[in-house]
N, C-alpha and C. Protein backbone atom coordinates (compact mmCIF):
# COMPACT_ATOMS: atom_id res chain seq x y z
N UNK A 1 0.93 -1.45 0.28
CA UNK A 1 0.01 0.09 -0.03
C UNK A 1 1.05 1.28 -0.05
N UNK A 2 0.79 1.90 -0.96
CA UNK A 2 1.71 3.30 -0.96
C UNK A 2 0.65 4.64 -0.48
N UNK A 3 1.11 5.12 0.59
CA UNK A 3 0.41 6.64 0.96
C UNK A 3 1.41 7.49 0.90
N UNK A 4 1.16 8.30 0.07
CA UNK A 4 3.05 9.22 -0.05
C UNK A 4 2.56 10.10 1.33
N UNK A 5 0.93 10.55 1.71
CA UNK A 5 0.96 11.29 2.58
C UNK A 5 1.63 11.04 3.75
N UNK A 6 2.24 9.98 3.94
CA UNK A 6 2.76 9.24 4.93
C UNK A 6 4.31 9.76 5.29
N UNK A 7 4.81 10.40 6.43
CA UNK A 7 5.82 10.98 6.79
C UNK A 7 6.83 10.52 7.43
N UNK A 8 7.93 9.90 6.91
CA UNK A 8 8.94 8.82 7.56
C UNK A 8 10.01 9.92 7.78
N UNK A 9 10.67 9.58 9.08
CA UNK A 9 12.31 10.34 9.58
C UNK A 9 13.12 10.10 7.94
N UNK A 10 14.19 10.72 8.75
CA UNK A 10 15.12 10.46 8.07
C UNK A 10 15.92 8.98 7.72
N UNK A 11 15.50 8.32 8.96
CA UNK A 11 15.80 7.23 9.07
C UNK A 11 15.06 6.03 7.91
N UNK A 12 13.90 6.21 7.66
CA UNK A 12 12.73 5.77 6.73
C UNK A 12 11.83 5.35 8.13
N UNK A 13 11.80 5.78 9.27
CA UNK A 13 11.12 5.29 9.95
C UNK A 13 9.82 6.15 10.61
N UNK A 14 8.52 5.45 11.00
CA UNK A 14 7.22 6.12 11.37
C UNK A 14 6.77 6.19 12.70
N UNK A 15 6.80 6.67 14.04
CA UNK A 15 6.48 5.98 15.26
C UNK A 15 4.88 5.11 15.27
N UNK A 16 4.63 4.30 15.58
CA UNK A 16 3.33 3.42 15.76
C UNK A 16 2.81 3.38 17.42
N UNK A 17 1.42 3.82 17.83
CA UNK A 17 1.35 4.56 18.90
C UNK A 17 0.54 2.98 18.73
N UNK A 18 0.47 1.73 19.75
CA UNK A 18 -0.41 0.48 19.73
C UNK A 18 -1.66 0.81 21.14
N UNK A 19 -2.70 0.67 20.73
CA UNK A 19 -3.80 0.93 21.56
C UNK A 19 -4.60 -0.50 21.29
N UNK A 20 -4.91 -0.62 22.53
CA UNK A 20 -5.70 -1.86 22.67
C UNK A 20 -7.65 -1.57 22.10
N UNK A 21 -7.98 -2.27 21.17
CA UNK A 21 -8.96 -1.77 20.50
C UNK A 21 -10.41 -1.82 21.20
N UNK A 22 -10.59 -2.71 22.38
CA UNK A 22 -11.29 -3.02 23.24
C UNK A 22 -11.62 -2.21 24.71
N UNK A 23 -10.27 -1.52 25.10
CA UNK A 23 -10.17 -0.98 26.11
C UNK A 23 -9.88 0.58 26.34
N UNK A 24 -8.97 1.21 24.68
CA UNK A 24 -8.59 2.59 24.71
C UNK A 24 -7.42 2.15 24.94
N UNK A 25 -6.76 1.07 26.46
CA UNK A 25 -5.44 1.17 26.82
C UNK A 25 -4.35 1.56 25.57
N UNK A 26 -3.41 2.65 26.16
CA UNK A 26 -1.98 2.74 25.40
C UNK A 26 -1.36 1.34 25.41
N UNK A 27 -0.88 1.03 24.95
CA UNK A 27 0.39 -0.58 25.30
C UNK A 27 1.21 0.45 24.99
N UNK A 28 1.77 0.26 24.04
CA UNK A 28 3.41 1.01 23.34
C UNK A 28 3.24 1.74 22.38
N UNK A 29 5.09 1.68 22.01
CA UNK A 29 5.07 2.70 20.81
C UNK A 29 6.07 1.99 20.61
N UNK A 30 6.09 1.58 18.96
CA UNK A 30 7.38 1.26 17.99
C UNK A 30 7.34 1.63 16.43
N UNK A 31 8.33 1.59 16.33
CA UNK A 31 8.89 2.12 14.93
C UNK A 31 8.43 1.38 14.00
N UNK A 32 7.61 2.07 12.88
CA UNK A 32 7.46 0.77 11.62
C UNK A 32 8.40 1.56 10.26
N UNK A 33 8.87 0.63 9.50
CA UNK A 33 9.46 0.74 8.13
C UNK A 33 8.55 0.77 7.32
N UNK A 34 8.21 1.21 5.94
CA UNK A 34 7.41 1.02 4.97
C UNK A 34 7.32 -1.00 4.83
N UNK A 35 8.16 -1.01 4.72
CA UNK A 35 8.57 -2.86 4.47
C UNK A 35 7.47 -3.46 6.07
N UNK A 36 7.68 -2.75 6.99
CA UNK A 36 7.17 -3.35 8.35
C UNK A 36 5.35 -2.76 8.28
N UNK A 37 5.27 -1.46 7.55
CA UNK A 37 3.77 -1.41 7.86
C UNK A 37 3.28 -2.42 6.93
N UNK A 38 3.55 -2.21 5.33
CA UNK A 38 3.15 -3.19 4.58
C UNK A 38 3.08 -5.13 4.90
N UNK A 39 3.86 -5.61 6.12
CA UNK A 39 3.98 -6.60 6.49
C UNK A 39 2.34 -6.74 7.23
N UNK A 40 2.63 -5.72 8.11
CA UNK A 40 1.12 -5.72 8.88
C UNK A 40 0.22 -5.94 8.54
N UNK A 41 0.02 -4.81 7.58
CA UNK A 41 -1.19 -5.07 6.61
C UNK A 41 -1.64 -6.33 5.92
N UNK A 42 -0.66 -6.86 5.45
CA UNK A 42 -0.53 -8.56 5.11
C UNK A 42 -1.05 -9.36 5.94
N UNK A 43 -0.02 -9.55 6.81
CA UNK A 43 -0.35 -10.56 7.86
C UNK A 43 -1.52 -10.29 9.38
N UNK A 44 -2.14 -9.11 9.07
CA UNK A 44 -3.25 -8.60 9.99
C UNK A 44 -2.67 -8.87 11.78
N UNK A 45 -1.15 -8.63 11.59
CA UNK A 45 -0.72 -8.70 13.38
C UNK A 45 0.56 -7.71 12.91
N UNK A 46 1.07 -7.07 14.31
CA UNK A 46 1.48 -5.84 14.09
C UNK A 46 3.03 -6.65 13.91
N UNK A 47 4.21 -5.77 13.01
CA UNK A 47 5.38 -6.29 12.77
C UNK A 47 5.73 -4.82 12.40
N UNK A 48 7.08 -4.37 13.28
CA UNK A 48 7.82 -3.46 13.86
C UNK A 48 8.90 -3.55 13.15
N UNK A 49 9.97 -1.97 13.54
CA UNK A 49 11.33 -2.60 12.42
C UNK A 49 12.33 -2.07 14.27
N UNK A 50 13.33 -2.93 14.33
CA UNK A 50 13.84 -3.02 15.86
C UNK A 50 14.97 -1.78 15.17
N UNK A 51 14.99 -0.99 16.01
CA UNK A 51 16.02 0.28 15.71
C UNK A 51 17.63 -0.37 16.38
N UNK A 52 17.72 -1.23 17.44
CA UNK A 52 17.91 -1.82 18.19
C UNK A 52 19.38 -3.23 17.41
N UNK A 53 18.15 -3.72 16.74
CA UNK A 53 18.44 -5.14 16.18
C UNK A 53 18.99 -4.62 14.63
N UNK A 54 18.24 -3.73 14.17
CA UNK A 54 18.15 -3.48 12.76
C UNK A 54 17.92 -4.73 11.67
N UNK A 55 16.49 -4.88 12.31
CA UNK A 55 15.93 -6.20 11.55
C UNK A 55 14.16 -5.88 11.98
N UNK A 56 13.84 -6.44 11.20
CA UNK A 56 11.95 -6.34 11.02
C UNK A 56 11.83 -7.52 12.33
N UNK A 57 10.60 -7.00 13.30
CA UNK A 57 10.34 -7.91 14.78
C UNK A 57 8.71 -8.24 14.35
N UNK A 58 8.46 -9.01 14.25
CA UNK A 58 7.25 -9.85 14.44
C UNK A 58 6.72 -9.52 15.88
N UNK A 59 5.97 -8.72 16.26
CA UNK A 59 5.67 -8.56 17.78
C UNK A 59 4.90 -10.20 17.89
N UNK A 60 5.88 -10.42 19.33
CA UNK A 60 5.62 -11.73 19.74
C UNK A 60 5.44 -13.25 19.01
N UNK A 61 6.64 -12.46 17.95
CA UNK A 61 6.97 -14.07 17.55
C UNK A 61 7.41 -15.21 18.40
N UNK A 62 7.94 -14.52 19.44
CA UNK A 62 8.52 -15.76 20.39
C UNK A 62 8.16 -15.78 21.31
N UNK A 63 7.21 -14.31 21.92
CA UNK A 63 6.74 -14.97 23.63
C UNK A 63 5.58 -15.39 23.13
N UNK A 64 5.06 -15.04 21.83
CA UNK A 64 3.23 -15.39 21.37
C UNK A 64 2.24 -14.36 21.93
N UNK A 65 3.11 -13.35 22.43
CA UNK A 65 1.98 -12.16 23.07
C UNK A 65 1.92 -11.04 21.48
N UNK A 66 1.08 -12.17 20.93
CA UNK A 66 1.23 -10.75 19.17
C UNK A 66 0.35 -10.11 19.31
N UNK A 67 -0.37 -9.48 18.27
CA UNK A 67 -0.91 -7.88 18.57
C UNK A 67 -2.29 -8.51 17.37
N UNK A 68 -3.40 -9.12 17.10
CA UNK A 68 -4.19 -8.83 15.82
C UNK A 68 -4.98 -7.41 15.75
N UNK A 69 -4.13 -6.95 14.19
CA UNK A 69 -4.80 -5.96 14.05
C UNK A 69 -6.08 -5.71 13.86
N UNK A 70 -7.09 -5.01 14.25
CA UNK A 70 -7.75 -4.35 14.61
C UNK A 70 -8.04 -3.13 13.00
N UNK A 71 -7.32 -2.19 13.27
CA UNK A 71 -7.82 -0.95 12.52
C UNK A 71 -6.02 -0.56 12.93
N UNK A 72 -5.76 0.23 11.54
CA UNK A 72 -4.54 1.19 11.29
C UNK A 72 -4.40 2.38 10.87
N UNK A 73 -4.89 3.53 11.24
CA UNK A 73 -4.94 4.66 11.37
C UNK A 73 -3.84 5.46 11.17
N UNK A 74 -3.61 6.58 10.40
CA UNK A 74 -2.66 7.53 10.41
C UNK A 74 -3.22 9.06 10.75
N UNK A 75 -2.12 10.05 12.00
CA UNK A 75 -2.89 11.38 11.76
C UNK A 75 -2.96 12.30 10.90
N UNK A 76 -3.09 13.71 11.14
CA UNK A 76 -3.48 14.19 10.42
C UNK A 76 -2.65 15.22 9.68
N UNK A 77 -1.30 15.31 10.24
CA UNK A 77 0.04 15.66 9.66
C UNK A 77 0.59 14.59 8.89
N UNK A 78 0.14 13.48 9.13
CA UNK A 78 0.84 11.90 8.36
C UNK A 78 1.95 11.21 8.98
N UNK A 79 2.68 11.62 10.22
CA UNK A 79 3.63 11.34 10.50
C UNK A 79 3.97 10.60 11.74
N UNK A 80 2.98 10.13 12.25
CA UNK A 80 2.45 9.25 13.38
C UNK A 80 1.21 8.16 12.91
N UNK A 81 1.08 6.93 13.17
CA UNK A 81 0.55 5.83 12.69
C UNK A 81 -0.30 5.37 14.34
N UNK A 82 -1.56 4.89 14.34
CA UNK A 82 -1.79 4.81 15.21
C UNK A 82 -2.74 2.89 15.21
N UNK A 83 -2.53 1.51 15.81
CA UNK A 83 -2.74 0.46 15.50
C UNK A 83 -3.50 0.12 16.29
N UNK A 84 -4.63 -0.09 16.42
CA UNK A 84 -5.45 -0.93 16.93
C UNK A 84 -5.39 -2.02 17.40
N UNK A 85 -5.52 -2.70 18.10
CA UNK A 85 -5.56 -4.11 17.94
C UNK A 85 -5.93 -5.10 19.34
N UNK A 86 -5.86 -6.84 18.86
CA UNK A 86 -6.55 -7.33 20.06
C UNK A 86 -5.52 -7.62 20.45
N UNK A 87 -4.62 -7.71 21.81
CA UNK A 87 -3.44 -8.10 21.65
C UNK A 87 -3.57 -9.42 22.96
N UNK A 88 -2.61 -10.43 22.62
CA UNK A 88 -2.56 -11.85 23.25
C UNK A 88 -1.86 -11.95 24.59
N UNK A 89 -1.93 -10.56 25.37
CA UNK A 89 -0.65 -10.90 26.45
C UNK A 89 -0.28 -9.50 26.45
N UNK A 90 0.89 -9.67 27.29
CA UNK A 90 1.51 -8.18 27.58
C UNK A 90 2.16 -7.52 26.31
N UNK A 91 2.20 -6.35 26.12
CA UNK A 91 2.64 -5.94 25.32
C UNK A 91 4.72 -5.57 26.16
N UNK A 92 4.24 -5.27 27.11
CA UNK A 92 5.97 -4.87 27.44
C UNK A 92 6.78 -6.28 27.43
N UNK A 93 7.83 -6.24 27.34
CA UNK A 93 9.07 -7.04 27.45
C UNK A 93 9.46 -7.09 28.66
N UNK A 94 8.66 -6.57 29.57
CA UNK A 94 8.83 -6.24 31.29
C UNK A 94 7.86 -7.81 31.76
N UNK A 95 7.03 -7.79 31.21
CA UNK A 95 5.60 -8.85 31.14
C UNK A 95 4.53 -8.15 31.59
N UNK A 96 4.68 -6.64 31.86
CA UNK A 96 4.06 -5.53 31.89
C UNK A 96 2.60 -5.78 30.78
N UNK A 97 1.22 -5.60 31.04
CA UNK A 97 0.37 -5.37 29.82
C UNK A 97 0.57 -4.00 29.02
N UNK A 98 0.96 -3.31 29.64
CA UNK A 98 1.52 -2.03 28.93
C UNK A 98 3.08 -1.18 28.98
N UNK A 99 3.13 -1.23 27.91
CA UNK A 99 4.69 -0.27 28.49
C UNK A 99 4.71 1.15 28.96
N UNK A 100 3.33 1.74 29.67
CA UNK A 100 3.29 2.94 30.02
C UNK A 100 2.93 2.61 31.45
N UNK A 101 3.46 1.54 32.08
CA UNK A 101 2.95 1.07 33.69
C UNK A 101 3.33 2.11 34.84
N UNK A 102 4.47 3.20 34.48
CA UNK A 102 5.34 4.02 35.65
C UNK A 102 4.35 5.68 35.46
N UNK A 103 4.40 5.99 36.68
CA UNK A 103 3.83 7.57 36.41
C UNK A 103 4.86 8.52 36.84
N UNK A 104 5.12 9.46 36.37
CA UNK A 104 5.83 10.90 37.01
C UNK A 104 5.27 11.38 38.25
N UNK A 105 4.07 11.47 38.27
CA UNK A 105 3.33 12.35 39.27
C UNK A 105 2.84 11.18 40.50
N UNK A 106 3.64 12.00 41.94
CA UNK A 106 3.28 11.29 42.80
C UNK A 106 1.71 10.75 43.10
N UNK A 107 1.28 9.61 43.65
CA UNK A 107 0.09 9.29 43.84
C UNK A 107 -0.37 9.50 45.53
């Protein structure tokens, strides 16, 4: 799928926010390349670009914690993606449901 309105950064990547389609909870943020975006749409599960490993990363390929794609949207500027998913387990590598489990505000 060619979407010329998408704006990738100088490394050829675009940020993707991943949100639980049922609860609205933000699960994680990861980077997508044009190839990982195409694979995500083709497979119906999230595929990202790992900047640290410099390779494609099918979320849950080793852990089983896949993310079934419900919808994939892009913002008004075309520089951020939003993946609505049905997660099959925690999103965070720490085992937490979401990567955003820590607060900077005292409670």
